[in-house]
N, C-alpha and C. Protein backbone atom coordinates (compact mmCIF):
# COMPACT_ATOMS: atom_id res chain seq x y z
N MET A 1 48.86 -55.22 28.24
CA MET A 1 49.14 -53.98 27.99
C MET A 1 50.52 -53.69 28.92
N ARG A 2 51.02 -52.48 28.27
CA ARG A 2 52.36 -52.07 28.94
C ARG A 2 52.26 -50.66 29.42
N PHE A 3 52.54 -50.52 30.66
CA PHE A 3 52.16 -49.07 31.44
C PHE A 3 53.37 -48.49 31.93
N LEU A 4 53.37 -47.04 32.13
CA LEU A 4 54.48 -46.51 32.79
C LEU A 4 53.69 -45.53 33.79
N LEU A 5 53.68 -45.84 35.04
CA LEU A 5 53.09 -45.18 36.00
C LEU A 5 53.72 -43.81 36.42
N ASP A 6 53.21 -42.59 36.34
CA ASP A 6 53.89 -41.49 37.22
C ASP A 6 53.87 -41.31 38.38
N GLN A 7 54.82 -40.91 39.10
CA GLN A 7 54.94 -40.89 40.45
C GLN A 7 53.52 -40.51 41.31
N ASP A 8 52.66 -39.93 40.73
CA ASP A 8 51.62 -39.56 41.57
C ASP A 8 50.49 -40.58 41.49
N VAL A 9 50.67 -41.79 40.86
CA VAL A 9 49.65 -42.86 40.79
C VAL A 9 49.87 -43.64 41.86
N PRO A 10 48.71 -43.91 42.61
CA PRO A 10 48.76 -44.68 43.90
C PRO A 10 49.33 -46.14 43.52
N GLY A 11 50.02 -46.64 44.55
CA GLY A 11 50.59 -47.84 44.56
C GLY A 11 49.58 -49.06 44.30
N GLU A 12 48.25 -48.71 44.74
CA GLU A 12 47.36 -49.81 44.77
C GLU A 12 46.92 -49.87 43.21
N VAL A 13 47.05 -49.01 42.39
CA VAL A 13 46.80 -48.99 40.93
C VAL A 13 47.92 -50.03 40.35
N THR A 14 49.18 -49.83 40.79
CA THR A 14 50.40 -50.58 40.39
C THR A 14 50.05 -52.13 40.60
N HIS A 15 49.60 -52.37 41.68
CA HIS A 15 49.46 -53.79 42.11
C HIS A 15 48.32 -54.54 41.57
N LEU A 16 47.16 -53.74 41.26
CA LEU A 16 46.02 -54.23 40.65
C LEU A 16 46.24 -54.43 39.13
N LEU A 17 46.88 -53.59 38.47
CA LEU A 17 47.42 -53.76 37.03
C LEU A 17 48.31 -55.13 36.90
N ARG A 18 49.17 -55.31 37.87
CA ARG A 18 50.03 -56.36 37.60
C ARG A 18 49.16 -57.73 37.97
N HIS A 19 48.27 -57.43 38.89
CA HIS A 19 47.23 -58.66 39.21
C HIS A 19 46.57 -59.21 37.82
N TRP A 20 46.03 -58.13 37.11
CA TRP A 20 45.53 -58.40 35.90
C TRP A 20 46.30 -58.86 34.76
N GLY A 21 47.45 -59.01 35.10
CA GLY A 21 48.49 -59.41 34.07
C GLY A 21 49.19 -58.44 33.23
N HIS A 22 49.00 -57.11 33.43
CA HIS A 22 49.84 -56.04 32.70
C HIS A 22 51.12 -55.92 33.07
N ASP A 23 51.99 -55.41 32.19
CA ASP A 23 53.38 -55.17 32.28
C ASP A 23 53.32 -53.74 32.89
N VAL A 24 53.71 -53.47 34.27
CA VAL A 24 53.78 -52.44 34.88
C VAL A 24 55.06 -51.88 35.36
N MET A 25 55.57 -50.49 34.71
CA MET A 25 56.87 -49.92 35.17
C MET A 25 56.33 -48.67 35.97
N SER A 26 56.96 -48.51 37.04
CA SER A 26 56.78 -47.32 37.79
C SER A 26 57.86 -46.16 37.53
N LEU A 27 57.48 -45.06 37.30
CA LEU A 27 58.43 -43.99 37.17
C LEU A 27 59.68 -44.21 37.89
N ARG A 28 59.72 -44.60 39.19
CA ARG A 28 61.02 -44.42 39.79
C ARG A 28 61.89 -45.61 39.62
N HIS A 29 61.36 -46.72 38.73
CA HIS A 29 62.12 -47.54 38.13
C HIS A 29 62.74 -47.34 36.76
N ALA A 30 62.24 -46.27 36.12
CA ALA A 30 62.67 -45.83 34.71
C ALA A 30 63.46 -44.78 34.66
N LEU A 31 63.02 -43.69 35.53
CA LEU A 31 63.81 -42.46 35.53
C LEU A 31 63.93 -41.97 36.97
N PRO A 32 64.61 -40.82 37.15
CA PRO A 32 64.48 -40.12 38.43
C PRO A 32 63.11 -39.48 38.58
N ILE A 33 62.49 -39.61 39.85
CA ILE A 33 61.22 -38.99 39.92
C ILE A 33 61.10 -37.60 39.86
N THR A 34 62.32 -36.94 39.67
CA THR A 34 62.33 -35.54 39.50
C THR A 34 62.54 -35.18 37.98
N ALA A 35 62.46 -36.27 36.99
CA ALA A 35 62.46 -36.02 35.68
C ALA A 35 61.35 -35.14 35.21
N PRO A 36 61.72 -34.26 34.24
CA PRO A 36 60.50 -33.31 33.60
C PRO A 36 59.50 -34.24 32.94
N ASP A 37 58.15 -33.52 33.17
CA ASP A 37 57.19 -34.37 32.27
C ASP A 37 57.53 -34.79 30.93
N GLU A 38 58.24 -33.94 30.15
CA GLU A 38 58.64 -34.00 28.85
C GLU A 38 59.42 -35.30 28.75
N GLU A 39 60.41 -35.46 29.61
CA GLU A 39 60.97 -36.58 29.62
C GLU A 39 60.34 -38.00 29.87
N VAL A 40 59.51 -37.81 30.88
CA VAL A 40 58.67 -38.76 31.17
C VAL A 40 57.71 -39.34 29.91
N PHE A 41 57.22 -38.23 29.24
CA PHE A 41 56.51 -38.59 27.98
C PHE A 41 57.05 -39.31 26.93
N ARG A 42 58.34 -38.65 26.74
CA ARG A 42 59.16 -39.43 25.58
C ARG A 42 59.74 -40.81 25.94
N HIS A 43 59.96 -40.91 27.26
CA HIS A 43 60.27 -42.24 27.70
C HIS A 43 59.17 -43.31 27.46
N ALA A 44 58.03 -42.95 27.95
CA ALA A 44 56.77 -43.62 27.60
C ALA A 44 56.47 -44.18 25.96
N GLN A 45 56.87 -43.03 25.16
CA GLN A 45 56.93 -43.23 23.85
C GLN A 45 57.68 -44.05 23.10
N ALA A 46 58.90 -43.86 23.66
CA ALA A 46 60.30 -44.65 23.28
C ALA A 46 59.91 -46.18 23.72
N ASP A 47 59.44 -46.41 24.95
CA ASP A 47 59.07 -47.83 25.37
C ASP A 47 57.88 -48.46 25.10
N GLY A 48 57.16 -47.59 24.35
CA GLY A 48 55.68 -48.27 23.92
C GLY A 48 54.90 -48.55 24.99
N ARG A 49 54.80 -47.59 26.08
CA ARG A 49 54.06 -47.83 27.25
C ARG A 49 52.91 -46.77 27.48
N LEU A 50 51.53 -47.18 27.73
CA LEU A 50 50.69 -46.22 28.06
C LEU A 50 51.02 -45.68 29.34
N LEU A 51 50.94 -44.39 29.25
CA LEU A 51 51.30 -43.37 30.50
C LEU A 51 50.08 -43.11 31.27
N ILE A 52 50.13 -43.29 32.69
CA ILE A 52 49.09 -43.26 33.67
C ILE A 52 49.39 -42.21 34.58
N ASN A 53 48.74 -41.09 34.71
CA ASN A 53 49.14 -40.03 35.59
C ASN A 53 47.88 -39.25 36.16
N CYS A 54 48.29 -38.44 37.26
CA CYS A 54 47.09 -37.68 37.68
C CYS A 54 47.22 -36.09 37.49
N ASN A 55 48.62 -35.92 36.77
CA ASN A 55 48.62 -34.48 36.29
C ASN A 55 48.26 -34.15 35.02
N ARG A 56 47.03 -33.93 34.97
CA ARG A 56 46.23 -33.66 33.70
C ARG A 56 46.76 -32.46 32.60
N ALA A 57 47.13 -31.27 33.38
CA ALA A 57 47.25 -30.04 32.76
C ALA A 57 48.48 -30.09 31.52
N HIS A 58 49.60 -30.73 32.36
CA HIS A 58 50.87 -30.67 31.48
C HIS A 58 50.98 -31.81 30.51
N PHE A 59 50.44 -32.91 30.72
CA PHE A 59 50.50 -34.23 29.97
C PHE A 59 49.35 -33.98 28.86
N LEU A 60 48.47 -33.28 29.02
CA LEU A 60 47.52 -33.12 28.18
C LEU A 60 48.07 -32.22 27.07
N ALA A 61 48.92 -31.22 27.51
CA ALA A 61 49.50 -30.53 26.29
C ALA A 61 50.44 -31.30 25.66
N LEU A 62 51.21 -32.21 26.33
CA LEU A 62 52.27 -33.08 25.62
C LEU A 62 51.74 -33.94 24.75
N ALA A 63 50.36 -34.50 25.14
CA ALA A 63 49.76 -35.48 24.10
C ALA A 63 49.27 -34.84 22.88
N GLU A 64 48.63 -33.56 23.13
CA GLU A 64 48.20 -32.71 22.05
C GLU A 64 49.35 -32.24 21.12
N GLN A 65 50.57 -32.08 21.51
CA GLN A 65 51.62 -31.63 20.79
C GLN A 65 51.95 -32.68 19.86
N ALA A 66 51.98 -33.88 20.55
CA ALA A 66 52.30 -35.21 19.85
C ALA A 66 51.36 -35.33 18.56
N VAL A 67 49.95 -35.23 18.92
CA VAL A 67 49.08 -35.51 17.91
C VAL A 67 48.96 -34.35 16.79
N ARG A 68 49.28 -33.17 17.11
CA ARG A 68 49.51 -32.18 16.10
C ARG A 68 50.74 -32.34 15.17
N THR A 69 51.82 -32.87 15.88
CA THR A 69 52.98 -33.13 15.00
C THR A 69 53.19 -34.45 14.36
N GLN A 70 51.87 -35.21 14.61
CA GLN A 70 51.77 -36.61 14.00
C GLN A 70 52.89 -37.71 14.59
N ARG A 71 53.25 -37.50 15.75
CA ARG A 71 54.09 -38.43 16.29
C ARG A 71 53.17 -39.30 17.29
N PRO A 72 53.18 -40.68 16.83
CA PRO A 72 52.30 -41.62 17.65
C PRO A 72 53.01 -41.76 19.00
N PHE A 73 51.94 -41.94 20.05
CA PHE A 73 52.26 -42.27 21.31
C PHE A 73 51.34 -43.41 21.69
N PRO A 74 51.81 -44.19 22.73
CA PRO A 74 51.08 -45.34 23.09
C PRO A 74 49.87 -45.02 23.77
N GLY A 75 49.46 -43.74 24.25
CA GLY A 75 48.40 -43.51 24.94
C GLY A 75 48.62 -42.77 26.28
N LEU A 76 47.63 -42.09 26.75
CA LEU A 76 47.58 -41.42 28.08
C LEU A 76 46.45 -41.36 28.65
N ILE A 77 46.54 -41.95 29.83
CA ILE A 77 45.29 -42.11 30.86
C ILE A 77 45.59 -41.33 31.95
N VAL A 78 44.72 -40.36 32.17
CA VAL A 78 44.52 -39.34 33.32
C VAL A 78 43.64 -39.96 34.33
N LEU A 79 44.19 -40.40 35.50
CA LEU A 79 43.48 -41.13 36.67
C LEU A 79 42.85 -39.94 37.44
N VAL A 80 41.63 -39.94 37.44
CA VAL A 80 40.97 -38.71 38.01
C VAL A 80 40.78 -39.11 39.65
N ARG A 81 41.11 -38.23 40.63
CA ARG A 81 40.93 -38.58 42.20
C ARG A 81 39.83 -38.81 42.52
N ARG A 82 39.39 -39.78 43.11
CA ARG A 82 38.02 -40.38 43.61
C ARG A 82 38.04 -40.48 45.06
N ARG A 83 37.05 -40.65 45.65
CA ARG A 83 36.83 -40.74 47.21
C ARG A 83 37.80 -41.87 47.86
N SER A 84 37.79 -42.88 46.88
CA SER A 84 38.53 -44.10 47.58
C SER A 84 39.49 -44.64 46.34
N ARG A 85 40.49 -45.45 46.87
CA ARG A 85 41.53 -45.96 45.87
C ARG A 85 40.58 -47.17 44.91
N GLN A 86 39.68 -47.70 45.64
CA GLN A 86 38.86 -48.74 44.98
C GLN A 86 38.19 -48.18 43.96
N ALA A 87 37.53 -46.94 44.13
CA ALA A 87 36.69 -46.34 43.12
C ALA A 87 37.74 -45.89 42.00
N GLU A 88 38.99 -45.46 42.20
CA GLU A 88 39.89 -45.26 41.21
C GLU A 88 40.10 -46.58 40.20
N CYS A 89 40.44 -47.50 41.05
CA CYS A 89 40.87 -48.70 40.40
C CYS A 89 39.57 -49.28 39.40
N ALA A 90 38.30 -49.20 39.95
CA ALA A 90 37.22 -49.65 39.29
C ALA A 90 37.10 -48.81 38.12
N HIS A 91 37.22 -47.59 38.08
CA HIS A 91 37.11 -46.87 36.84
C HIS A 91 38.13 -47.01 35.79
N LEU A 92 39.31 -47.44 36.31
CA LEU A 92 40.38 -47.58 35.44
C LEU A 92 40.14 -49.04 34.86
N LEU A 93 39.64 -49.88 35.48
CA LEU A 93 39.41 -51.35 34.83
C LEU A 93 38.32 -51.07 33.91
N GLN A 94 37.29 -50.34 34.24
CA GLN A 94 36.05 -50.16 33.33
C GLN A 94 36.64 -49.80 32.05
N LEU A 95 37.50 -48.38 31.96
CA LEU A 95 38.02 -48.07 30.79
C LEU A 95 38.96 -49.08 29.93
N LEU A 96 39.75 -49.77 30.71
CA LEU A 96 40.55 -50.88 30.13
C LEU A 96 39.60 -51.96 29.43
N ARG A 97 38.75 -52.17 30.02
CA ARG A 97 37.83 -53.47 29.42
C ARG A 97 37.01 -52.76 28.20
N GLN A 98 36.56 -51.32 28.26
CA GLN A 98 35.75 -50.90 27.32
C GLN A 98 36.44 -50.39 26.14
N ALA A 99 37.79 -49.77 26.25
CA ALA A 99 38.41 -49.26 25.40
C ALA A 99 39.45 -50.24 24.59
N GLY A 100 40.07 -51.40 25.46
CA GLY A 100 40.92 -52.01 24.94
C GLY A 100 42.18 -51.46 24.38
N GLU A 101 43.14 -52.05 24.16
CA GLU A 101 44.65 -51.41 23.79
C GLU A 101 44.35 -50.55 22.62
N THR A 102 43.67 -51.08 21.40
CA THR A 102 43.64 -50.31 20.50
C THR A 102 42.77 -48.98 20.64
N GLY A 103 41.94 -48.89 21.47
CA GLY A 103 41.18 -47.78 21.82
C GLY A 103 41.86 -46.75 22.56
N LEU A 104 42.88 -47.24 23.17
CA LEU A 104 43.77 -46.40 24.02
C LEU A 104 44.96 -45.68 23.38
N ALA A 105 45.52 -46.39 22.20
CA ALA A 105 46.65 -46.04 21.65
C ALA A 105 46.54 -44.69 21.10
N ASN A 106 47.27 -43.83 20.93
CA ASN A 106 47.24 -42.34 20.35
C ASN A 106 46.08 -41.63 20.94
N ASN A 107 45.51 -42.03 22.02
CA ASN A 107 44.38 -41.26 22.40
C ASN A 107 44.72 -40.92 24.01
N VAL A 108 43.87 -39.91 24.24
CA VAL A 108 43.87 -39.49 25.87
C VAL A 108 42.61 -39.84 26.43
N ASN A 109 42.50 -40.51 27.58
CA ASN A 109 41.32 -41.09 28.08
C ASN A 109 41.51 -40.65 29.69
N PHE A 110 40.30 -40.64 30.22
CA PHE A 110 40.16 -40.31 31.78
C PHE A 110 39.58 -41.51 32.44
N ALA A 111 40.01 -41.73 33.54
CA ALA A 111 39.58 -42.98 34.16
C ALA A 111 39.31 -42.55 35.75
């Protein structure tokens, strides 16, 4: 799977996704980290990357707008902050295994 990780996603997630064989791009390698959320969301759409972030409020609104206007998007995963990075990574891995790429596309998921 192809992912774009927002600046608020821990580096451990990047390392583990790459270890699991996924194509991972960090926001800082694609856009300025000061890029507005709208630009980040559009970039993920244009590049066909699932967006992972911890900023649920604004990105949920952007995903809802994409669904309302019938503009497909690769998917949004909101990473819920846990007590440890290991717990965050374990929840993400569980989501990826259960949903698969087809279950994530055009959907909002929480890990």
